[in-house]
Structures are given as structure tokens and as C-alpha cells.
């Protein structure tokens, strides 16, 4: 499931989206926080590691506009958080993180709220691609192309331009051009690009539920 997050009432002039991240694994939570904060047009308003904490934050003022939601929480089902947010902030949207995204079935009453499901073992670029259309500054930045995503992942693995060129069978100058384009699209400097790509590459894979 991966529907557009485009909001008919959105504008590139609107304030940053207020985002709540709900994830009980602290390492994943910290990495998501760092990477999402780097996205233009989005501000991480708060984080939560339990259903109770997340529900309280959804009922706070102002309520979050975007919820990045882990389904398996220590004190209950994450979908209960989405239900509360739908009541307090009807225009809010939810992106579900799940280790079993392919088998997730969205409840009928939440189909207008849950707009994306991302497998927790996927690269961060997949989550970014889901979020991109709804970000206020999305109109000025395109989603990374498949080739750029490949190079982004290789950058995160610590490969040099020469090594990336060898791996992708591209010239070094072409790799350099792609790096500049990726940095421009993500709105980061060269050093920030390396840092962000490195964080994405460190997301746990085998130990995710």
C-alpha cells in the first residue's frame, strides 16, 4: 500500500508538517528522528515508545499532522493510536511501519487515514518516497530516481566515487554528477549527504520484528 499523501489544501507556503514518530526500538527511533528531521518541510514534534504515550500526544494541542507508526507496541496495537489521531486531527495522515508490510490489511475505517505502509526492512529511501508528495516543499524537489537511490545506498555504505563507478559501471564523472543532484534534491550539503546516507544504511535489518 502506497497512496499519495497529497493534500488538496496544502501549499508550499504552509508551515512544516508536525510529525509524531511511534517506535518502541530506541535505535530505530533515534535513526528515524535524525533522518526525518533532515527532510525539508517536516518537523518531528515528538516521539513515543508506547501506545499510551502516543495516544496522549495525539490528544495534545496542537495534534500531530503526520504519524509514523510502528504497529507492534509493548502495551497494545499501534492501530489504536491511528484511531485516536483520526478523531482529534481528521486531516492527519498515517504511515505504518511493519516487519510484515506485505500482509498488512488496512481496516476499512482507517483507509482514509493510513496512506502508506513501509516494510521496516526496507531502505529509508522507500519511506522518504512515501512522504515526499505531501511535504510542503515537494513541488520544488523530485523523488530520487532508481539510479540515484542506488548511488545513495552505496554512499551510505561508505564507497568512494571510484568504487561506486566500478560497482555501477558508470564513469566517475557521472557518479559525481549524480551525487550533486541527490544532494540538491534532498537539500543537503555534500557532507550532510554522506551522514544522512550513512544513517539510512545503519537501519537494523535482521533484528527487526
C-alpha atoms as a PDB file:
ATOM      1  CA  UNK A   1       0.000   0.000   0.000  1.00  0.00           C
ATOM      2  CA  UNK A   2       1.470   3.289  -1.029  1.00  0.00           C
ATOM      3  CA  UNK A   3      -1.069   6.010  -1.823  1.00  0.00           C
ATOM      4  CA  UNK A   4      -0.166   9.620  -2.409  1.00  0.00           C
ATOM      5  CA  UNK A   5      -0.095  11.828   0.654  1.00  0.00           C
ATOM      6  CA  UNK A   6      -1.021  14.854  -1.411  1.00  0.00           C
ATOM      7  CA  UNK A   7      -3.328  17.174   0.477  1.00  0.00           C
ATOM      8  CA  UNK A   8      -5.628  19.341  -1.676  1.00  0.00           C
ATOM      9  CA  UNK A   9      -5.352  22.097   0.908  1.00  0.00           C
ATOM     10  CA  UNK A  10      -1.560  22.016   1.122  1.00  0.00           C
ATOM     11  CA  UNK A  11       0.686  24.836  -0.036  1.00  0.00           C
ATOM     12  CA  UNK A  12       4.388  25.311  -0.367  1.00  0.00           C
ATOM     13  CA  UNK A  13       3.941  28.323   1.912  1.00  0.00           C
ATOM     14  CA  UNK A  14       2.449  26.347   4.798  1.00  0.00           C
ATOM     15  CA  UNK A  15       4.461  25.690   7.993  1.00  0.00           C
ATOM     16  CA  UNK A  16       6.399  22.468   8.417  1.00  0.00           C
ATOM     17  CA  UNK A  17       4.305  19.366   8.997  1.00  0.00           C
ATOM     18  CA  UNK A  18       4.212  18.317  12.643  1.00  0.00           C
ATOM     19  CA  UNK A  19       5.310  14.684  12.808  1.00  0.00           C
ATOM     20  CA  UNK A  20       4.974  12.144  15.615  1.00  0.00           C
ATOM     21  CA  UNK A  21       7.167   9.020  15.449  1.00  0.00           C
ATOM     22  CA  UNK A  22       5.918   5.992  17.387  1.00  0.00           C
ATOM     23  CA  UNK A  23       8.530   3.230  17.624  1.00  0.00           C
ATOM     24  CA  UNK A  24       9.489   1.105  20.634  1.00  0.00           C
ATOM     25  CA  UNK A  25      13.014   0.210  19.465  1.00  0.00           C
ATOM     26  CA  UNK A  26      15.163   3.106  20.599  1.00  0.00           C
ATOM     27  CA  UNK A  27      17.865   2.675  17.961  1.00  0.00           C
ATOM     28  CA  UNK A  28      15.330   2.699  15.137  1.00  0.00           C
ATOM     29  CA  UNK A  29      13.510   5.619  16.762  1.00  0.00           C
ATOM     30  CA  UNK A  30      16.676   7.711  17.008  1.00  0.00           C
ATOM     31  CA  UNK A  31      17.663   6.981  13.411  1.00  0.00           C
ATOM     32  CA  UNK A  32      14.198   7.811  12.102  1.00  0.00           C
ATOM     33  CA  UNK A  33      14.217  11.045  14.087  1.00  0.00           C
ATOM     34  CA  UNK A  34      17.572  12.112  12.619  1.00  0.00           C
ATOM     35  CA  UNK A  35      16.625  11.265   9.059  1.00  0.00           C
ATOM     36  CA  UNK A  36      13.108  12.706   9.097  1.00  0.00           C
ATOM     37  CA  UNK A  37      14.342  15.955  10.647  1.00  0.00           C
ATOM     38  CA  UNK A  38      16.625  16.300   7.619  1.00  0.00           C
ATOM     39  CA  UNK A  39      13.643  16.397   5.249  1.00  0.00           C
ATOM     40  CA  UNK A  40      12.639  19.950   4.308  1.00  0.00           C
ATOM     41  CA  UNK A  41       9.040  20.726   5.200  1.00  0.00           C
ATOM     42  CA  UNK A  42       8.839  18.324   8.140  1.00  0.00           C
ATOM     43  CA  UNK A  43       9.459  18.818  11.857  1.00  0.00           C
ATOM     44  CA  UNK A  44       9.496  15.961  14.357  1.00  0.00           C
ATOM     45  CA  UNK A  45       7.147  17.317  17.004  1.00  0.00           C
ATOM     46  CA  UNK A  46       7.529  14.379  19.381  1.00  0.00           C
ATOM     47  CA  UNK A  47       8.410  10.698  19.699  1.00  0.00           C
ATOM     48  CA  UNK A  48       6.789   7.897  21.671  1.00  0.00           C
ATOM     49  CA  UNK A  49       7.715   4.325  22.535  1.00  0.00           C
ATOM     50  CA  UNK A  50       4.343   3.058  23.765  1.00  0.00           C
ATOM     51  CA  UNK A  51       0.675   3.113  22.809  1.00  0.00           C
ATOM     52  CA  UNK A  52      -0.322   5.082  25.914  1.00  0.00           C
ATOM     53  CA  UNK A  53       2.310   7.761  25.371  1.00  0.00           C
ATOM     54  CA  UNK A  54       1.432   8.088  21.696  1.00  0.00           C
ATOM     55  CA  UNK A  55      -2.298   8.406  22.380  1.00  0.00           C
ATOM     56  CA  UNK A  56      -1.643  11.160  24.905  1.00  0.00           C
ATOM     57  CA  UNK A  57       0.443  13.044  22.343  1.00  0.00           C
ATOM     58  CA  UNK A  58      -2.280  12.644  19.697  1.00  0.00           C
ATOM     59  CA  UNK A  59      -4.724  14.267  22.102  1.00  0.00           C
ATOM     60  CA  UNK A  60      -2.385  17.158  22.845  1.00  0.00           C
ATOM     61  CA  UNK A  61      -2.603  20.604  21.288  1.00  0.00           C
ATOM     62  CA  UNK A  62      -1.544  21.044  18.587  1.00  0.00           C
ATOM     63  CA  UNK A  63      -2.037  17.446  17.466  1.00  0.00           C
ATOM     64  CA  UNK A  64       0.451  15.941  15.026  1.00  0.00           C
ATOM     65  CA  UNK A  65      -0.371  16.142  11.331  1.00  0.00           C
ATOM     66  CA  UNK A  66       1.707  13.140  10.322  1.00  0.00           C
ATOM     67  CA  UNK A  67       2.144   9.891  12.238  1.00  0.00           C
ATOM     68  CA  UNK A  68       4.953   7.421  11.547  1.00  0.00           C
ATOM     69  CA  UNK A  69       3.576   4.369  13.330  1.00  0.00           C
ATOM     70  CA  UNK A  70       5.026   1.055  14.443  1.00  0.00           C
ATOM     71  CA  UNK A  71       2.197  -1.466  14.821  1.00  0.00           C
ATOM     72  CA  UNK A  72       3.782  -3.741  17.437  1.00  0.00           C
ATOM     73  CA  UNK A  73       3.975  -1.689  20.634  1.00  0.00           C
ATOM     74  CA  UNK A  74       4.699  -3.125  24.103  1.00  0.00           C
ATOM     75  CA  UNK A  75       1.329  -2.096  25.566  1.00  0.00           C
ATOM     76  CA  UNK A  76      -1.003  -2.614  22.617  1.00  0.00           C
ATOM     77  CA  UNK A  77      -1.766  -2.373  18.923  1.00  0.00           C
ATOM     78  CA  UNK A  78      -0.456   0.717  17.158  1.00  0.00           C
ATOM     79  CA  UNK A  79      -3.685   0.995  15.171  1.00  0.00           C
ATOM     80  CA  UNK A  80      -5.376   2.313  18.314  1.00  0.00           C
ATOM     81  CA  UNK A  81      -3.081   5.341  18.048  1.00  0.00           C
ATOM     82  CA  UNK A  82      -4.163   5.936  14.457  1.00  0.00           C
ATOM     83  CA  UNK A  83      -7.817   5.757  15.522  1.00  0.00           C
ATOM     84  CA  UNK A  84      -7.320   8.414  18.197  1.00  0.00           C
ATOM     85  CA  UNK A  85      -5.436  10.704  15.822  1.00  0.00           C
ATOM     86  CA  UNK A  86      -8.205  10.339  13.232  1.00  0.00           C
ATOM     87  CA  UNK A  87     -10.667  11.613  15.857  1.00  0.00           C
ATOM     88  CA  UNK A  88      -8.572  14.528  17.118  1.00  0.00           C
ATOM     89  CA  UNK A  89      -6.991  15.567  13.790  1.00  0.00           C
ATOM     90  CA  UNK A  90      -9.208  14.311  10.917  1.00  0.00           C
ATOM     91  CA  UNK A  91      -6.887  15.711   8.248  1.00  0.00           C
ATOM     92  CA  UNK A  92      -3.816  13.962   9.669  1.00  0.00           C
ATOM     93  CA  UNK A  93      -2.211  11.107   7.778  1.00  0.00           C
ATOM     94  CA  UNK A  94      -0.517   7.916   8.971  1.00  0.00           C
ATOM     95  CA  UNK A  95       2.371   5.915   7.533  1.00  0.00           C
ATOM     96  CA  UNK A  96       2.634   2.442   9.035  1.00  0.00           C
ATOM     97  CA  UNK A  97       5.991   0.750   9.683  1.00  0.00           C
ATOM     98  CA  UNK A  98       5.766  -3.031   9.823  1.00  0.00           C
ATOM     99  CA  UNK A  99       8.015  -6.030   9.529  1.00  0.00           C
ATOM    100  CA  UNK A 100       5.150  -7.700   7.684  1.00  0.00           C
ATOM    101  CA  UNK A 101       4.050  -4.877   5.417  1.00  0.00           C
ATOM    102  CA  UNK A 102       3.160  -7.220   2.542  1.00  0.00           C
ATOM    103  CA  UNK A 103       0.481  -8.940   4.631  1.00  0.00           C
ATOM    104  CA  UNK A 104      -0.925  -5.810   6.279  1.00  0.00           C
ATOM    105  CA  UNK A 105      -4.624  -5.249   5.643  1.00  0.00           C
ATOM    106  CA  UNK A 106      -5.838  -1.734   6.367  1.00  0.00           C
ATOM    107  CA  UNK A 107      -9.061  -1.658   8.405  1.00  0.00           C
ATOM    108  CA  UNK A 108     -11.915  -0.149   6.417  1.00  0.00           C
ATOM    109  CA  UNK A 109     -12.485   2.682   8.897  1.00  0.00           C
ATOM    110  CA  UNK A 110      -8.831   3.783   8.608  1.00  0.00           C
ATOM    111  CA  UNK A 111      -8.467   3.667   4.833  1.00  0.00           C
ATOM    112  CA  UNK A 112      -8.785   7.447   4.608  1.00  0.00           C
ATOM    113  CA  UNK A 113      -6.124   7.929   7.278  1.00  0.00           C
ATOM    114  CA  UNK A 114      -3.420   5.356   6.559  1.00  0.00           C
ATOM    115  CA  UNK A 115      -1.781   6.453   3.322  1.00  0.00           C
ATOM    116  CA  UNK A 116       1.324   4.288   3.221  1.00  0.00           C
ATOM    117  CA  UNK A 117       2.766   1.048   4.577  1.00  0.00           C
ATOM    118  CA  UNK A 118       6.539   0.631   4.599  1.00  0.00           C
ATOM    119  CA  UNK A 119       8.375  -2.572   5.431  1.00  0.00           C
ATOM    120  CA  UNK A 120      10.777  -1.938   8.305  1.00  0.00           C
ATOM    121  CA  UNK A 121      13.467  -3.912   6.497  1.00  0.00           C
ATOM    122  CA  UNK A 122      13.323  -1.546   3.506  1.00  0.00           C
ATOM    123  CA  UNK A 123      15.738   1.295   2.897  1.00  0.00           C
ATOM    124  CA  UNK A 124      14.929   4.738   4.257  1.00  0.00           C
ATOM    125  CA  UNK A 125      14.531   5.945   0.681  1.00  0.00           C
ATOM    126  CA  UNK A 126      11.260   3.984   0.473  1.00  0.00           C
ATOM    127  CA  UNK A 127       9.840   5.843   3.465  1.00  0.00           C
ATOM    128  CA  UNK A 128      11.071   9.120   2.013  1.00  0.00           C
ATOM    129  CA  UNK A 129       9.381   8.345  -1.298  1.00  0.00           C
ATOM    130  CA  UNK A 130       6.072   7.788   0.525  1.00  0.00           C
ATOM    131  CA  UNK A 131       6.396  11.078   2.416  1.00  0.00           C
ATOM    132  CA  UNK A 132       7.750  13.196  -0.422  1.00  0.00           C
ATOM    133  CA  UNK A 133       4.453  14.113  -2.171  1.00  0.00           C
ATOM    134  CA  UNK A 134       2.950  15.557   0.999  1.00  0.00           C
ATOM    135  CA  UNK A 135       5.883  17.658   2.154  1.00  0.00           C
ATOM    136  CA  UNK A 136       5.284  21.411   1.682  1.00  0.00           C
ATOM    137  CA  UNK A 137       8.449  21.828  -0.375  1.00  0.00           C
ATOM    138  CA  UNK A 138       7.858  18.728  -2.502  1.00  0.00           C
ATOM    139  CA  UNK A 139       6.945  20.767  -5.582  1.00  0.00           C
ATOM    140  CA  UNK A 140      10.499  22.075  -5.821  1.00  0.00           C
ATOM    141  CA  UNK A 141      12.169  18.679  -5.333  1.00  0.00           C
ATOM    142  CA  UNK A 142      11.624  15.463  -7.236  1.00  0.00           C
ATOM    143  CA  UNK A 143      11.846  11.986  -5.720  1.00  0.00           C
ATOM    144  CA  UNK A 144      15.189  10.307  -6.327  1.00  0.00           C
ATOM    145  CA  UNK A 145      15.375   8.244  -9.488  1.00  0.00           C
ATOM    146  CA  UNK A 146      16.122   4.489  -9.190  1.00  0.00           C
ATOM    147  CA  UNK A 147      19.745   5.125 -10.207  1.00  0.00           C
ATOM    148  CA  UNK A 148      20.089   7.946  -7.664  1.00  0.00           C
ATOM    149  CA  UNK A 149      18.641   5.722  -4.945  1.00  0.00           C
ATOM    150  CA  UNK A 150      21.182   3.045  -5.837  1.00  0.00           C
ATOM    151  CA  UNK A 151      24.034   5.541  -5.579  1.00  0.00           C
ATOM    152  CA  UNK A 152      22.571   6.970  -2.356  1.00  0.00           C
ATOM    153  CA  UNK A 153      22.664   3.490  -0.819  1.00  0.00           C
ATOM    154  CA  UNK A 154      26.254   2.943  -1.970  1.00  0.00           C
ATOM    155  CA  UNK A 155      27.262   6.295  -0.473  1.00  0.00           C
ATOM    156  CA  UNK A 156      25.728   5.104   2.792  1.00  0.00           C
ATOM    157  CA  UNK A 157      27.920   2.003   2.633  1.00  0.00           C
ATOM    158  CA  UNK A 158      30.979   4.248   2.611  1.00  0.00           C
ATOM    159  CA  UNK A 159      32.004   3.677  -1.003  1.00  0.00           C
ATOM    160  CA  UNK A 160      34.128   6.276  -2.791  1.00  0.00           C
ATOM    161  CA  UNK A 161      33.140   7.737  -6.147  1.00  0.00           C
ATOM    162  CA  UNK A 162      35.648   5.394  -7.797  1.00  0.00           C
ATOM    163  CA  UNK A 163      34.196   2.343  -6.047  1.00  0.00           C
ATOM    164  CA  UNK A 164      30.632   3.402  -6.875  1.00  0.00           C
ATOM    165  CA  UNK A 165      31.599   3.886 -10.507  1.00  0.00           C
ATOM    166  CA  UNK A 166      33.104   0.403 -10.596  1.00  0.00           C
ATOM    167  CA  UNK A 167      30.041  -1.123  -8.914  1.00  0.00           C
ATOM    168  CA  UNK A 168      27.519   0.611 -11.179  1.00  0.00           C
ATOM    169  CA  UNK A 169      29.612   0.531 -14.370  1.00  0.00           C
ATOM    170  CA  UNK A 170      29.347   4.319 -14.637  1.00  0.00           C
ATOM    171  CA  UNK A 171      32.107   6.838 -15.155  1.00  0.00           C
ATOM    172  CA  UNK A 172      33.435   8.671 -12.121  1.00  0.00           C
ATOM    173  CA  UNK A 173      32.240  11.991 -13.559  1.00  0.00           C
ATOM    174  CA  UNK A 174      28.706  10.561 -13.927  1.00  0.00           C
ATOM    175  CA  UNK A 175      28.742   9.399 -10.313  1.00  0.00           C
ATOM    176  CA  UNK A 176      29.865  12.874  -9.225  1.00  0.00           C
ATOM    177  CA  UNK A 177      27.016  14.413 -11.215  1.00  0.00           C
ATOM    178  CA  UNK A 178      24.518  12.060  -9.563  1.00  0.00           C
ATOM    179  CA  UNK A 179      25.889  12.913  -6.094  1.00  0.00           C
ATOM    180  CA  UNK A 180      25.411  16.624  -6.721  1.00  0.00           C
ATOM    181  CA  UNK A 181      21.871  16.031  -8.000  1.00  0.00           C
ATOM    182  CA  UNK A 182      20.989  13.877  -4.977  1.00  0.00           C
ATOM    183  CA  UNK A 183      22.320  16.488  -2.551  1.00  0.00           C
ATOM    184  CA  UNK A 184      20.358  19.203  -4.340  1.00  0.00           C
ATOM    185  CA  UNK A 185      17.118  17.200  -4.293  1.00  0.00           C
ATOM    186  CA  UNK A 186      17.486  16.408  -0.590  1.00  0.00           C
ATOM    187  CA  UNK A 187      18.515  19.958   0.232  1.00  0.00           C
ATOM    188  CA  UNK A 188      21.766  18.979   1.956  1.00  0.00           C
ATOM    189  CA  UNK A 189      25.469  19.675   1.558  1.00  0.00           C
ATOM    190  CA  UNK A 190      27.940  17.045   0.416  1.00  0.00           C
ATOM    191  CA  UNK A 191      28.980  16.222   3.971  1.00  0.00           C
ATOM    192  CA  UNK A 192      25.372  16.096   5.162  1.00  0.00           C
ATOM    193  CA  UNK A 193      24.546  13.755   2.286  1.00  0.00           C
ATOM    194  CA  UNK A 194      27.198  11.281   3.438  1.00  0.00           C
ATOM    195  CA  UNK A 195      25.939  11.496   7.020  1.00  0.00           C
ATOM    196  CA  UNK A 196      22.288  11.020   6.050  1.00  0.00           C
ATOM    197  CA  UNK A 197      23.072   8.127   3.693  1.00  0.00           C
ATOM    198  CA  UNK A 198      25.186   6.501   6.408  1.00  0.00           C
ATOM    199  CA  UNK A 199      22.311   6.724   8.901  1.00  0.00           C
ATOM    200  CA  UNK A 200      19.957   5.130   6.387  1.00  0.00           C
ATOM    201  CA  UNK A 201      22.385   2.261   5.807  1.00  0.00           C
ATOM    202  CA  UNK A 202      22.557   1.593   9.563  1.00  0.00           C
ATOM    203  CA  UNK A 203      18.867   0.834   9.982  1.00  0.00           C
ATOM    204  CA  UNK A 204      18.663  -2.651  11.559  1.00  0.00           C
ATOM    205  CA  UNK A 205      17.681  -5.395   9.132  1.00  0.00           C
ATOM    206  CA  UNK A 206      17.757  -8.919  10.580  1.00  0.00           C
ATOM    207  CA  UNK A 207      16.628  -7.998  14.089  1.00  0.00           C
ATOM    208  CA  UNK A 208      13.535  -6.034  13.124  1.00  0.00           C
ATOM    209  CA  UNK A 209      10.246  -7.687  14.119  1.00  0.00           C
END
